[in-house]
Amino acid sequence: MSNRLPYFRCIFIKGFIISSLIAFFVPLKAQTKTYKESYTTYENVDENSGFERTLYYVKKLLIEKIGVFIQNTVEISKSDINDEIKDVFIQNTTVIAAGITRTDIVEQKWDLVNRSYYILAEITINDADVQERALEIAQDKNRINELAEVQKKYDEATAQAEILKQQLAAVKSEREKESILQHYNQTIGNLSANEWFNKGYRSLETKDYTNAVIYYQKAIELNPGLVPAYNNIGLAYRKLGNSAEALRYYQKAAELAPNNPAVYSNLGAVYCASKNFGNAIKCFSKTISLEPANPENYINMGLAYAQSNDNETAIIYYKKALKLKPNNAEAFNHIGFSYKKQNNYDSAIQYYKRAISINPNYFQAYFNLGIAYIKKSNINYAIDNLTKAVKLNPADAECDYHLASCYFEKKNIPKAIEFYSRAVIIKTDYEEAYFNLGVAYLELGDCNKALQNYNKAASINEHDADVYFNMGIAYNRIDRYQEAITAFEKTLQINQYYSDAIVSMALTYSKMNNEEKTIELLQKAARLNNKSAQQMLKDNGLEW
């Protein structure tokens, strides 16, 4: 009697991933630059307002310098940036510069006698890093608008503070003076709120979400009407996995800015994440009504329908996005994915290829194309496209996993082991990859390494019956029969109807010359309609 071949599990379906467009540019040789500026304000009302006023002006000087640098950088590599992005970039260089840099105070001094405040400040940048981050922002209209809105409020608050300061100097009545001073202090608070917002923004950029929440909350305390702070604190909470708080802050932002499409876009994303697709679709409908010429709004609507398994409607909205932007690689990729969900792999392949023709470095499209070819049983084409995807994104564990599975299918076991091993390095709790590594080593006859990987898979998911079944197979092959029986018993504790485990345990007892137990277990498996057990009993003239 022969043992059953080891169970091999390979999952070829990857979750729906929203990909973003990639900007192309010629990176400069990285250099670090430090810009310094100083400024002094006079006739300040008090030390706090002096600090805020002076910081505003010294930052303005520094940001203007960084803006000039960014413009020059774009000009150097302008052939590698599409015209639309380049125009947005050039028109908003100071806004972008404010969003991606940090001003450090080197020296500050308050002169109580002359009521003057002096600040020497600096900004240190890595030029290649600034170029890359600035280009990322230039592609995101919502982020540009958000930064521009905050900067506008900052400028308005400073101008208002100057007017109020002059009024304070001219007013005679103490009552009027008190009223103006109260207004003045509130305006200075708004200036301070902008600083806290910028700290929150930089924390968000560096993925320090906990501090981003703290900084944005401080900005809101100082300026309860600062809509971008509510919006971004919602994003920070989303990244921290707190959807309830994210929803609360997005809803507040919507109350304060009912005509802001970015707010409804974020609300829709939260509703999608919680599978509340009805509300998500309402939010994306609002963004479309507010901003009908923005193709991203139609893509978001398509994603909401796709995630609710209405792929036909999703495709309609993706195609609307293409009417507005015919070379939108992301829309072609999503159409392909929706066709794949409908098992229309030929159409899916066609649209993935269109996405790649527009953006030859589109990792997600190559990945999806590889999966589609797997579904078509064209493993060679699958390997070609997944290999390209791995080169574009070496840190994607699932891409390595599926490429390994293709190599296993082609009986190239060493290559399969190579890519499964890469997958578990990237994603250390990847149970499926550990499981398949075990299978691959078992194919090579290395039962000890197979067992190492099965044990790792079991430590990640102790309720996976297949893992223990394969452990039993591996122990059996190296004549560790009692451990094999223990593994099969564990399989049956998880799934008492796992008839192949019963048969394999019977065969193990057969090797141990325990005929009575062998027959007992084969009869049990046969009663569960296991054909192998029934045939073995029949061959030996036994009933069940």
Protein backbone atom coordinates (compact mmCIF):
# COMPACT_ATOMS: atom_id res chain seq x y z
CA MET A 1 0.00 0.00 0.00
CA SER A 2 1.32 3.49 -0.84
CA ASN A 3 1.05 6.73 1.07
CA ARG A 4 -1.09 9.53 -0.25
CA LEU A 5 0.84 12.37 -1.89
CA PRO A 6 1.27 15.33 0.47
CA TYR A 7 -1.51 17.88 0.46
CA PHE A 8 -0.45 20.96 -1.52
CA ARG A 9 -2.31 24.19 -1.05
CA CYS A 10 -1.75 27.19 -3.28
CA ILE A 11 -3.97 30.27 -3.12
CA PHE A 12 -3.83 32.34 -6.29
CA ILE A 13 -6.29 35.08 -5.39
CA LYS A 14 -4.81 38.35 -4.19
CA GLY A 15 -6.92 40.89 -2.32
CA PHE A 16 -8.10 44.04 -4.00
CA ILE A 17 -5.38 46.66 -3.79
CA ILE A 18 -5.84 50.31 -4.69
CA SER A 19 -2.69 51.35 -6.47
CA SER A 20 -1.45 54.86 -7.00
CA LEU A 21 0.27 56.26 -10.06
CA ILE A 22 4.03 56.40 -10.00
CA ALA A 23 5.91 59.55 -10.92
CA PHE A 24 9.08 59.28 -12.94
CA PHE A 25 11.99 61.62 -12.53
CA VAL A 26 15.75 61.75 -12.88
CA PRO A 27 17.10 61.47 -9.33
CA LEU A 28 19.90 63.83 -8.43
CA LYS A 29 22.99 62.70 -6.62
CA ALA A 30 21.90 63.14 -3.03
CA GLN A 31 23.26 66.25 -1.36
CA THR A 32 22.39 67.82 1.97
CA LYS A 33 21.82 71.55 2.03
CA THR A 34 21.12 73.88 4.93
CA TYR A 35 19.36 77.22 4.44
CA LYS A 36 19.49 79.86 7.19
CA GLU A 37 17.56 83.08 7.69
CA SER A 38 16.98 85.52 10.55
CA TYR A 39 14.22 88.01 11.25
CA THR A 40 13.33 90.53 13.94
CA THR A 41 9.89 91.92 14.70
CA TYR A 42 9.29 95.10 16.72
CA GLU A 43 6.52 96.62 18.83
CA ASN A 44 5.19 93.22 19.81
CA VAL A 45 2.24 93.05 22.20
CA ASP A 46 3.88 90.33 24.28
CA GLU A 47 6.53 87.59 24.08
CA ASN A 48 4.16 84.89 22.75
CA SER A 49 2.81 86.99 19.91
CA GLY A 50 6.34 88.19 19.15
CA PHE A 51 7.48 84.60 18.76
CA GLU A 52 4.58 83.65 16.47
CA ARG A 53 4.95 86.76 14.28
CA THR A 54 8.70 86.38 13.93
CA LEU A 55 8.51 82.67 13.22
CA TYR A 56 6.00 83.33 10.43
CA TYR A 57 8.29 85.79 8.67
CA VAL A 58 11.50 83.82 9.06
CA LYS A 59 9.76 80.67 7.81
CA LYS A 60 8.41 82.59 4.84
CA LEU A 61 11.94 83.61 3.84
CA LEU A 62 13.21 80.04 4.18
CA ILE A 63 10.29 78.46 2.33
CA GLU A 64 10.72 80.88 -0.57
CA LYS A 65 14.33 79.70 -0.90
CA ILE A 66 13.28 76.05 -0.83
CA GLY A 67 10.59 76.81 -3.40
CA VAL A 68 13.17 78.25 -5.78
CA PHE A 69 15.30 75.13 -5.30
CA ILE A 70 12.30 72.89 -6.09
CA GLN A 71 11.49 74.84 -9.24
CA ASN A 72 15.07 74.51 -10.44
CA THR A 73 15.01 70.78 -9.69
CA VAL A 74 11.90 70.32 -11.81
CA GLU A 75 13.49 72.19 -14.67
CA ILE A 76 16.52 69.87 -14.56
CA SER A 77 14.37 66.75 -14.98
CA LYS A 78 11.32 68.20 -16.70
CA SER A 79 11.46 65.75 -19.62
CA ASP A 80 10.67 62.92 -17.22
CA ILE A 81 7.55 64.48 -15.71
CA ASN A 82 4.26 64.78 -17.55
CA ASP A 83 3.15 68.33 -18.29
CA GLU A 84 0.11 68.26 -15.99
CA ILE A 85 2.16 67.27 -12.93
CA LYS A 86 4.92 69.71 -13.85
CA ASP A 87 2.46 72.63 -14.04
CA VAL A 88 0.93 71.80 -10.65
CA PHE A 89 4.41 71.41 -9.26
CA ILE A 90 5.68 74.79 -10.46
CA GLN A 91 2.52 76.69 -9.47
CA ASN A 92 2.60 75.36 -5.91
CA THR A 93 6.30 75.15 -5.04
CA THR A 94 6.10 77.23 -1.86
CA VAL A 95 3.00 75.37 -0.67
CA ILE A 96 4.75 72.04 -1.30
CA ALA A 97 7.95 73.25 0.35
CA ALA A 98 6.02 74.20 3.49
CA GLY A 99 4.48 70.73 3.63
CA ILE A 100 7.67 68.69 3.35
CA THR A 101 10.21 70.66 5.37
CA ARG A 102 10.82 71.35 9.04
CA THR A 103 12.03 74.69 10.35
CA ASP A 104 14.50 74.43 13.23
CA ILE A 105 15.12 77.42 15.47
CA VAL A 106 18.85 77.96 15.99
CA GLU A 107 18.59 81.07 18.17
CA GLN A 108 15.80 83.22 19.57
CA LYS A 109 15.72 86.29 21.79
CA TRP A 110 12.95 88.38 23.37
CA ASP A 111 13.89 91.98 24.17
CA LEU A 112 11.34 93.17 26.74
CA VAL A 113 12.62 96.78 26.71
CA ASN A 114 12.26 97.26 22.94
CA ARG A 115 9.49 94.65 22.66
CA SER A 116 11.40 93.02 19.81
CA TYR A 117 11.77 89.32 19.02
CA TYR A 118 14.69 87.84 17.08
CA ILE A 119 14.83 84.37 15.51
CA LEU A 120 17.61 82.68 13.57
CA ALA A 121 16.21 79.55 11.90
CA GLU A 122 17.32 76.92 9.41
CA ILE A 123 15.95 74.21 7.15
CA THR A 124 18.15 71.25 6.24
CA ILE A 125 17.14 69.18 3.23
CA ASN A 126 18.34 66.21 1.24
CA ASP A 127 17.78 67.43 -2.30
CA ALA A 128 16.89 64.07 -3.86
CA ASP A 129 14.51 63.28 -1.00
CA VAL A 130 12.81 66.69 -1.31
CA GLN A 131 12.40 66.20 -5.05
CA GLU A 132 10.80 62.77 -4.61
CA ARG A 133 8.44 63.82 -1.81
CA ALA A 134 7.47 67.01 -3.60
CA LEU A 135 6.59 65.04 -6.74
CA GLU A 136 4.39 62.72 -4.68
CA ILE A 137 2.44 65.69 -3.33
CA ALA A 138 2.21 67.30 -6.78
CA GLN A 139 0.25 64.27 -8.01
CA ASP A 140 -2.32 64.52 -5.22
CA LYS A 141 -4.73 67.37 -5.81
CA ASN A 142 -6.37 66.96 -2.42
CA ARG A 143 -3.05 67.28 -0.58
CA ILE A 144 -2.13 70.37 -2.61
CA ASN A 145 -5.48 71.98 -1.81
CA GLU A 146 -5.15 71.06 1.86
CA LEU A 147 -1.68 72.58 2.19
CA ALA A 148 -2.77 75.66 0.24
CA GLU A 149 -5.79 76.13 2.52
CA VAL A 150 -3.65 75.94 5.66
CA GLN A 151 -1.09 78.35 4.20
CA LYS A 152 -3.87 80.75 3.22
CA LYS A 153 -5.24 80.71 6.77
CA TYR A 154 -1.71 81.26 8.09
CA ASP A 155 -1.24 84.29 5.83
CA GLU A 156 -4.66 85.68 6.70
CA ALA A 157 -4.06 85.26 10.43
CA THR A 158 -0.72 87.06 10.17
CA ALA A 159 -2.23 89.94 8.19
CA GLN A 160 -5.09 90.18 10.68
CA ALA A 161 -2.62 90.18 13.58
CA GLU A 162 -0.75 93.12 12.04
CA ILE A 163 -4.00 95.10 11.66
CA LEU A 164 -5.07 94.35 15.23
CA LYS A 165 -1.63 95.30 16.55
CA GLN A 166 -1.94 98.70 14.90
CA GLN A 167 -5.45 99.10 16.31
CA LEU A 168 -4.18 98.27 19.79
CA ALA A 169 -1.54 100.99 19.50
CA ALA A 170 -4.12 103.58 18.43
CA VAL A 171 -7.06 102.78 20.69
CA LYS A 172 -7.61 104.87 23.85
CA SER A 173 -10.55 103.16 25.53
CA GLU A 174 -9.62 100.31 27.88
CA ARG A 175 -12.83 98.50 27.00
CA GLU A 176 -12.05 98.66 23.28
CA LYS A 177 -8.47 97.70 23.98
CA GLU A 178 -9.61 94.60 25.89
CA SER A 179 -11.89 93.56 23.01
CA ILE A 180 -9.17 94.01 20.40
CA LEU A 181 -6.63 92.23 22.60
CA GLN A 182 -8.96 89.25 22.93
CA HIS A 183 -9.34 89.09 19.16
CA TYR A 184 -5.60 89.54 18.75
CA ASN A 185 -4.79 86.64 21.08
CA GLN A 186 -7.24 84.42 19.22
CA THR A 187 -5.53 85.33 15.94
CA ILE A 188 -2.13 84.53 17.42
CA GLY A 189 -3.60 81.19 18.52
CA ASN A 190 -4.52 80.52 14.90
CA LEU A 191 -0.89 81.15 13.94
CA SER A 192 0.20 78.65 16.56
CA ALA A 193 -2.41 76.17 15.32
CA ASN A 194 -0.76 76.29 11.91
CA GLU A 195 2.56 75.30 13.48
CA TRP A 196 0.96 72.33 15.23
CA PHE A 197 -0.73 71.37 11.96
CA ASN A 198 2.62 71.36 10.17
CA LYS A 199 4.09 69.15 12.90
CA GLY A 200 1.17 66.79 12.48
CA TYR A 201 1.59 66.78 8.72
CA ARG A 202 5.28 65.90 8.96
CA SER A 203 4.46 63.12 11.44
CA LEU A 204 1.88 61.77 9.02
CA GLU A 205 4.46 61.84 6.23
CA THR A 206 6.95 59.87 8.34
CA LYS A 207 4.24 57.40 9.48
CA ASP A 208 4.44 58.55 13.10
CA TYR A 209 0.66 58.35 13.42
CA THR A 210 0.47 58.52 17.22
CA ASN A 211 2.24 61.88 17.35
CA ALA A 212 0.31 63.07 14.30
CA VAL A 213 -2.91 62.63 16.32
CA ILE A 214 -1.43 64.58 19.25
CA TYR A 215 -0.26 67.46 17.06
CA TYR A 216 -3.49 67.73 15.10
CA GLN A 217 -5.52 67.68 18.32
CA LYS A 218 -3.42 70.60 19.58
CA ALA A 219 -4.06 72.47 16.32
CA ILE A 220 -7.80 71.88 16.70
CA GLU A 221 -7.75 73.13 20.31
CA LEU A 222 -6.20 76.39 19.12
CA ASN A 223 -8.30 76.70 15.98
CA PRO A 224 -11.52 74.60 16.07
CA GLY A 225 -12.33 75.62 12.48
CA LEU A 226 -9.16 74.19 10.90
CA VAL A 227 -10.81 71.63 8.58
CA PRO A 228 -7.60 70.01 7.23
CA ALA A 229 -6.63 69.10 10.80
CA TYR A 230 -9.89 67.14 11.26
CA ASN A 231 -9.35 65.49 7.90
CA ASN A 232 -5.79 64.45 8.66
CA ILE A 233 -6.44 63.31 12.20
CA GLY A 234 -9.05 61.02 10.64
CA LEU A 235 -6.37 59.63 8.33
CA ALA A 236 -3.98 59.12 11.26
CA TYR A 237 -6.65 57.20 13.17
CA ARG A 238 -7.32 55.06 10.09
CA LYS A 239 -3.64 54.16 9.92
CA LEU A 240 -3.76 53.28 13.62
CA GLY A 241 -6.71 50.96 12.95
CA ASN A 242 -9.23 53.08 14.86
CA SER A 243 -12.04 53.39 12.31
CA ALA A 244 -14.57 54.73 14.83
CA GLU A 245 -12.41 57.77 15.70
CA ALA A 246 -11.50 58.26 12.04
CA LEU A 247 -15.19 58.36 11.15
CA ARG A 248 -15.93 60.83 13.97
CA TYR A 249 -13.30 63.31 12.80
CA TYR A 250 -14.21 62.97 9.12
CA GLN A 251 -17.85 63.63 9.99
CA LYS A 252 -16.83 66.76 11.88
CA ALA A 253 -14.80 67.89 8.87
CA ALA A 254 -17.89 67.37 6.69
CA GLU A 255 -19.95 69.52 9.09
CA LEU A 256 -17.39 72.32 8.87
CA ALA A 257 -16.79 72.00 5.11
CA PRO A 258 -19.88 70.48 3.43
CA ASN A 259 -18.53 71.33 -0.04
CA ASN A 260 -15.05 69.85 0.37
CA PRO A 261 -14.73 66.77 -1.91
CA ALA A 262 -11.63 65.47 -0.09
CA VAL A 263 -13.63 65.13 3.13
CA TYR A 264 -16.29 62.98 1.46
CA SER A 265 -13.64 60.94 -0.31
CA ASN A 266 -12.08 60.06 3.05
CA LEU A 267 -15.48 59.36 4.59
CA GLY A 268 -16.22 57.00 1.71
CA ALA A 269 -12.94 55.17 2.27
CA VAL A 270 -13.80 54.60 5.95
CA TYR A 271 -17.24 53.30 5.06
CA CYS A 272 -15.70 50.96 2.48
CA ALA A 273 -13.24 49.62 5.06
CA SER A 274 -16.15 48.83 7.38
CA LYS A 275 -18.10 47.28 4.45
CA ASN A 276 -20.80 49.94 4.68
CA PHE A 277 -20.92 50.25 0.92
CA GLY A 278 -24.25 52.08 0.81
CA ASN A 279 -22.86 55.06 2.72
CA ALA A 280 -19.57 54.83 0.85
CA ILE A 281 -21.40 55.16 -2.49
CA LYS A 282 -23.36 58.16 -1.14
CA CYS A 283 -20.09 59.86 -0.16
CA PHE A 284 -18.43 59.20 -3.52
CA SER A 285 -21.58 60.45 -5.29
CA LYS A 286 -21.12 63.67 -3.33
CA THR A 287 -17.48 63.98 -4.45
CA ILE A 288 -18.56 63.50 -8.07
CA SER A 289 -21.24 66.19 -7.76
CA LEU A 290 -18.73 68.59 -6.19
CA GLU A 291 -15.87 67.75 -8.53
CA PRO A 292 -17.24 66.11 -11.72
CA ALA A 293 -14.03 66.60 -13.72
CA ASN A 294 -11.80 64.64 -11.32
CA PRO A 295 -11.27 61.07 -12.60
CA GLU A 296 -10.17 59.86 -9.14
CA ASN A 297 -13.73 60.37 -7.87
CA TYR A 298 -15.07 57.93 -10.47
CA ILE A 299 -12.32 55.43 -9.65
CA ASN A 300 -13.26 55.60 -5.97
CA MET A 301 -16.90 55.02 -6.86
CA GLY A 302 -15.86 52.06 -8.99
CA LEU A 303 -13.85 50.63 -6.10
CA ALA A 304 -16.86 50.88 -3.79
CA TYR A 305 -19.03 48.97 -6.25
CA ALA A 306 -16.27 46.42 -6.90
CA GLN A 307 -15.83 45.74 -3.20
CA SER A 308 -19.59 45.21 -2.91
CA ASN A 309 -19.26 42.64 -5.75
CA ASP A 310 -21.10 44.77 -8.29
CA ASN A 311 -18.32 44.60 -10.87
CA GLU A 312 -20.50 45.58 -13.83
CA THR A 313 -21.30 48.95 -12.25
CA ALA A 314 -17.67 49.30 -11.14
CA ILE A 315 -16.52 48.97 -14.76
CA ILE A 316 -18.99 51.68 -15.83
CA TYR A 317 -17.40 54.16 -13.39
CA TYR A 318 -13.83 53.17 -14.27
CA LYS A 319 -14.66 53.84 -17.92
CA LYS A 320 -16.07 57.25 -16.96
CA ALA A 321 -12.69 57.99 -15.37
CA LEU A 322 -11.02 57.01 -18.67
CA LYS A 323 -13.21 59.46 -20.59
CA LEU A 324 -11.81 62.22 -18.41
CA LYS A 325 -8.25 60.86 -18.50
CA PRO A 326 -7.72 58.37 -21.36
CA ASN A 327 -4.21 57.41 -20.25
CA ASN A 328 -5.16 56.52 -16.68
CA ALA A 329 -3.23 53.30 -16.04
CA GLU A 330 -4.94 52.85 -12.68
CA ALA A 331 -8.40 52.78 -14.28
CA PHE A 332 -7.30 50.16 -16.85
CA ASN A 333 -5.86 48.03 -14.03
CA HIS A 334 -9.08 48.22 -12.01
CA ILE A 335 -11.21 47.34 -15.05
CA GLY A 336 -8.99 44.31 -15.55
CA PHE A 337 -9.46 43.32 -11.92
CA SER A 338 -13.25 43.60 -12.17
CA TYR A 339 -13.24 41.41 -15.27
CA LYS A 340 -11.11 38.91 -13.39
CA LYS A 341 -13.68 38.87 -10.58
CA GLN A 342 -16.24 37.94 -13.25
CA ASN A 343 -13.93 35.12 -14.44
CA ASN A 344 -13.49 36.93 -17.74
CA TYR A 345 -9.73 36.41 -17.83
CA ASP A 346 -9.25 37.26 -21.52
CA SER A 347 -10.71 40.75 -21.00
CA ALA A 348 -8.78 41.12 -17.75
CA ILE A 349 -5.51 40.36 -19.55
CA GLN A 350 -6.36 42.88 -22.27
CA TYR A 351 -6.87 45.69 -19.74
CA TYR A 352 -3.84 44.82 -17.62
CA LYS A 353 -1.73 45.03 -20.76
CA ARG A 354 -3.21 48.46 -21.52
CA ALA A 355 -2.26 49.62 -18.04
CA ILE A 356 1.32 48.40 -18.55
CA SER A 357 1.57 50.05 -21.97
CA ILE A 358 0.82 53.38 -20.27
CA ASN A 359 3.00 52.75 -17.24
CA PRO A 360 5.73 50.17 -17.94
CA ASN A 361 6.71 50.20 -14.26
CA TYR A 362 3.25 49.43 -12.88
CA PHE A 363 3.91 46.67 -10.35
CA GLN A 364 0.26 45.94 -9.57
CA ALA A 365 -0.66 45.50 -13.22
CA TYR A 366 2.18 43.01 -13.77
CA PHE A 367 1.12 41.14 -10.64
CA ASN A 368 -2.52 41.00 -11.71
CA LEU A 369 -1.53 39.95 -15.22
CA GLY A 370 0.51 37.11 -13.76
CA ILE A 371 -2.46 35.93 -11.69
CA ALA A 372 -4.73 36.09 -14.75
CA TYR A 373 -2.32 33.89 -16.70
CA ILE A 374 -2.33 31.40 -13.81
CA LYS A 375 -6.11 31.29 -14.12
CA LYS A 376 -5.65 30.58 -17.83
CA SER A 377 -3.12 27.81 -16.93
CA ASN A 378 -0.42 29.64 -18.88
CA ILE A 379 2.27 29.23 -16.24
CA ASN A 380 5.16 30.39 -18.44
CA TYR A 381 3.51 33.78 -19.07
CA ALA A 382 2.59 33.94 -15.39
CA ILE A 383 6.23 33.46 -14.42
CA ASP A 384 7.34 36.16 -16.89
CA ASN A 385 4.97 38.77 -15.48
CA LEU A 386 5.38 37.88 -11.82
CA THR A 387 9.17 38.04 -12.28
CA LYS A 388 8.80 41.58 -13.65
CA ALA A 389 6.56 42.44 -10.71
CA VAL A 390 9.12 41.11 -8.21
CA LYS A 391 11.84 43.24 -9.81
CA LEU A 392 9.64 46.33 -9.52
CA ASN A 393 8.67 45.61 -5.91
CA PRO A 394 11.07 43.18 -4.20
CA ALA A 395 9.28 43.69 -0.86
CA ASP A 396 5.92 42.18 -1.84
CA ALA A 397 5.58 38.80 -0.10
CA GLU A 398 2.49 37.70 -2.02
CA CYS A 399 4.19 38.26 -5.35
CA ASP A 400 7.08 36.03 -4.24
CA TYR A 401 4.56 33.46 -2.97
CA HIS A 402 2.67 33.20 -6.26
CA LEU A 403 5.88 33.12 -8.30
CA ALA A 404 7.10 30.26 -6.09
CA SER A 405 3.82 28.41 -6.65
CA CYS A 406 4.29 28.74 -10.42
CA TYR A 407 7.78 27.29 -10.19
CA PHE A 408 6.39 24.43 -8.10
CA GLU A 409 3.82 23.79 -10.81
CA LYS A 410 6.69 23.60 -13.34
CA LYS A 411 8.51 21.13 -11.03
CA ASN A 412 11.34 23.61 -10.48
CA ILE A 413 11.46 22.92 -6.75
CA PRO A 414 14.71 24.83 -5.94
CA LYS A 415 13.23 28.00 -7.48
CA ALA A 416 9.99 27.43 -5.60
CA ILE A 417 11.93 27.17 -2.35
CA GLU A 418 13.88 30.34 -3.19
CA PHE A 419 10.75 32.46 -3.58
CA TYR A 420 8.76 30.91 -0.74
CA SER A 421 11.79 31.65 1.45
CA ARG A 422 11.78 35.28 0.28
CA ALA A 423 8.08 35.51 1.09
CA VAL A 424 8.51 34.41 4.72
CA ILE A 425 11.45 36.78 5.22
CA ILE A 426 9.24 39.69 4.12
CA LYS A 427 6.11 38.46 5.92
CA THR A 428 7.18 36.46 8.95
CA ASP A 429 3.65 35.27 9.81
CA TYR A 430 2.88 34.00 6.29
CA GLU A 431 1.43 30.59 7.18
CA GLU A 432 0.63 29.59 3.58
CA ALA A 433 4.22 30.22 2.48
CA TYR A 434 5.64 28.18 5.37
CA PHE A 435 3.19 25.39 4.54
CA ASN A 436 4.22 25.32 0.88
CA LEU A 437 7.89 25.49 1.83
CA GLY A 438 7.27 22.32 3.79
CA VAL A 439 5.66 20.73 0.74
CA ALA A 440 8.59 21.78 -1.47
CA TYR A 441 11.18 20.33 0.91
CA LEU A 442 9.10 17.17 1.16
CA GLU A 443 9.25 16.92 -2.63
CA LEU A 444 13.05 17.09 -2.40
CA GLY A 445 13.04 14.43 0.28
CA ASP A 446 14.32 16.77 3.00
CA CYS A 447 11.83 15.80 5.69
CA ASN A 448 13.62 17.62 8.50
CA LYS A 449 13.38 20.98 6.72
CA ALA A 450 9.82 20.17 5.75
CA LEU A 451 9.00 19.60 9.42
CA GLN A 452 10.70 22.86 10.44
CA ASN A 453 8.40 24.76 8.12
CA TYR A 454 5.26 22.82 9.06
CA ASN A 455 6.00 23.53 12.72
CA LYS A 456 6.39 27.22 11.91
CA ALA A 457 3.05 27.17 10.06
CA ALA A 458 1.42 25.43 13.04
CA SER A 459 2.79 28.07 15.43
CA ILE A 460 1.04 30.72 13.32
CA ASN A 461 -2.25 28.80 12.96
CA GLU A 462 -2.70 25.90 15.36
CA HIS A 463 -6.14 25.11 13.95
CA ASP A 464 -4.97 24.19 10.44
CA ALA A 465 -5.64 20.45 10.01
CA ASP A 466 -3.69 20.29 6.74
CA VAL A 467 -0.46 21.34 8.49
CA TYR A 468 -0.66 18.47 10.98
CA PHE A 469 -1.62 16.02 8.22
CA ASN A 470 1.54 16.89 6.28
CA MET A 471 3.58 16.70 9.46
CA GLY A 472 2.35 13.13 9.83
CA ILE A 473 3.39 12.35 6.24
CA ALA A 474 6.90 13.77 6.90
CA TYR A 475 7.34 11.88 10.19
CA ASN A 476 6.17 8.70 8.49
CA ARG A 477 8.78 9.03 5.75
CA ILE A 478 11.63 9.16 8.26
CA ASP A 479 10.19 6.28 10.30
CA ARG A 480 9.20 8.41 13.29
CA TYR A 481 5.92 6.53 13.53
CA GLN A 482 4.70 7.58 16.96
CA GLU A 483 5.18 11.27 16.11
CA ALA A 484 3.36 10.66 12.82
CA ILE A 485 0.42 9.12 14.70
CA THR A 486 0.36 12.09 17.11
CA ALA A 487 0.25 14.48 14.13
CA PHE A 488 -2.61 12.56 12.49
CA GLU A 489 -4.52 12.52 15.79
CA LYS A 490 -4.10 16.30 16.01
CA THR A 491 -5.49 16.54 12.46
CA LEU A 492 -8.57 14.58 13.52
CA GLN A 493 -9.05 16.69 16.65
CA ILE A 494 -9.43 19.67 14.34
CA ASN A 495 -11.48 17.84 11.70
CA GLN A 496 -12.88 14.45 12.71
CA TYR A 497 -14.01 13.75 9.13
CA TYR A 498 -10.52 14.10 7.63
CA SER A 499 -10.58 10.58 6.15
CA ASP A 500 -7.15 10.83 4.46
CA ALA A 501 -5.60 11.37 7.90
CA ILE A 502 -7.36 8.22 9.12
CA VAL A 503 -6.00 6.24 6.14
CA SER A 504 -2.47 7.60 6.66
CA MET A 505 -2.61 6.72 10.35
CA ALA A 506 -3.75 3.21 9.40
CA LEU A 507 -0.77 2.87 7.07
CA THR A 508 1.52 4.04 9.86
CA TYR A 509 0.15 1.34 12.17
CA SER A 510 0.69 -1.13 9.34
CA LYS A 511 4.39 -0.22 9.30
CA MET A 512 4.41 -0.83 13.05
CA ASN A 513 2.92 -4.31 12.39
CA ASN A 514 -0.30 -3.46 14.25
CA GLU A 515 -2.75 -5.22 11.92
CA GLU A 516 -5.77 -4.86 14.20
CA LYS A 517 -5.42 -1.07 14.44
CA THR A 518 -4.75 -0.84 10.72
CA ILE A 519 -7.99 -2.63 9.82
CA GLU A 520 -10.00 -0.68 12.42
CA LEU A 521 -8.86 2.66 11.00
CA LEU A 522 -9.32 1.63 7.36
CA GLN A 523 -12.88 0.53 8.11
CA LYS A 524 -13.55 3.87 9.83
CA ALA A 525 -12.23 5.77 6.78
CA ALA A 526 -14.22 3.54 4.43
CA ARG A 527 -17.43 4.37 6.30
CA LEU A 528 -16.60 8.03 5.62
CA ASN A 529 -16.63 7.05 1.91
CA ASN A 530 -12.85 7.18 1.46
CA LYS A 531 -12.31 5.34 -1.83
CA SER A 532 -8.69 4.40 -1.10
CA ALA A 533 -9.65 2.76 2.19
CA GLN A 534 -12.55 0.93 0.55
CA GLN A 535 -10.30 -0.39 -2.21
CA MET A 536 -7.61 -1.58 0.24
CA LEU A 537 -10.16 -3.42 2.35
CA LYS A 538 -11.76 -4.92 -0.75
CA ASP A 539 -8.35 -6.10 -2.03
CA ASN A 540 -7.83 -7.87 1.30
CA GLY A 541 -11.29 -9.44 1.37
CA LEU A 542 -12.51 -7.26 4.22
CA GLU A 543 -15.79 -5.42 4.72
CA TRP A 544 -16.54 -2.13 6.41
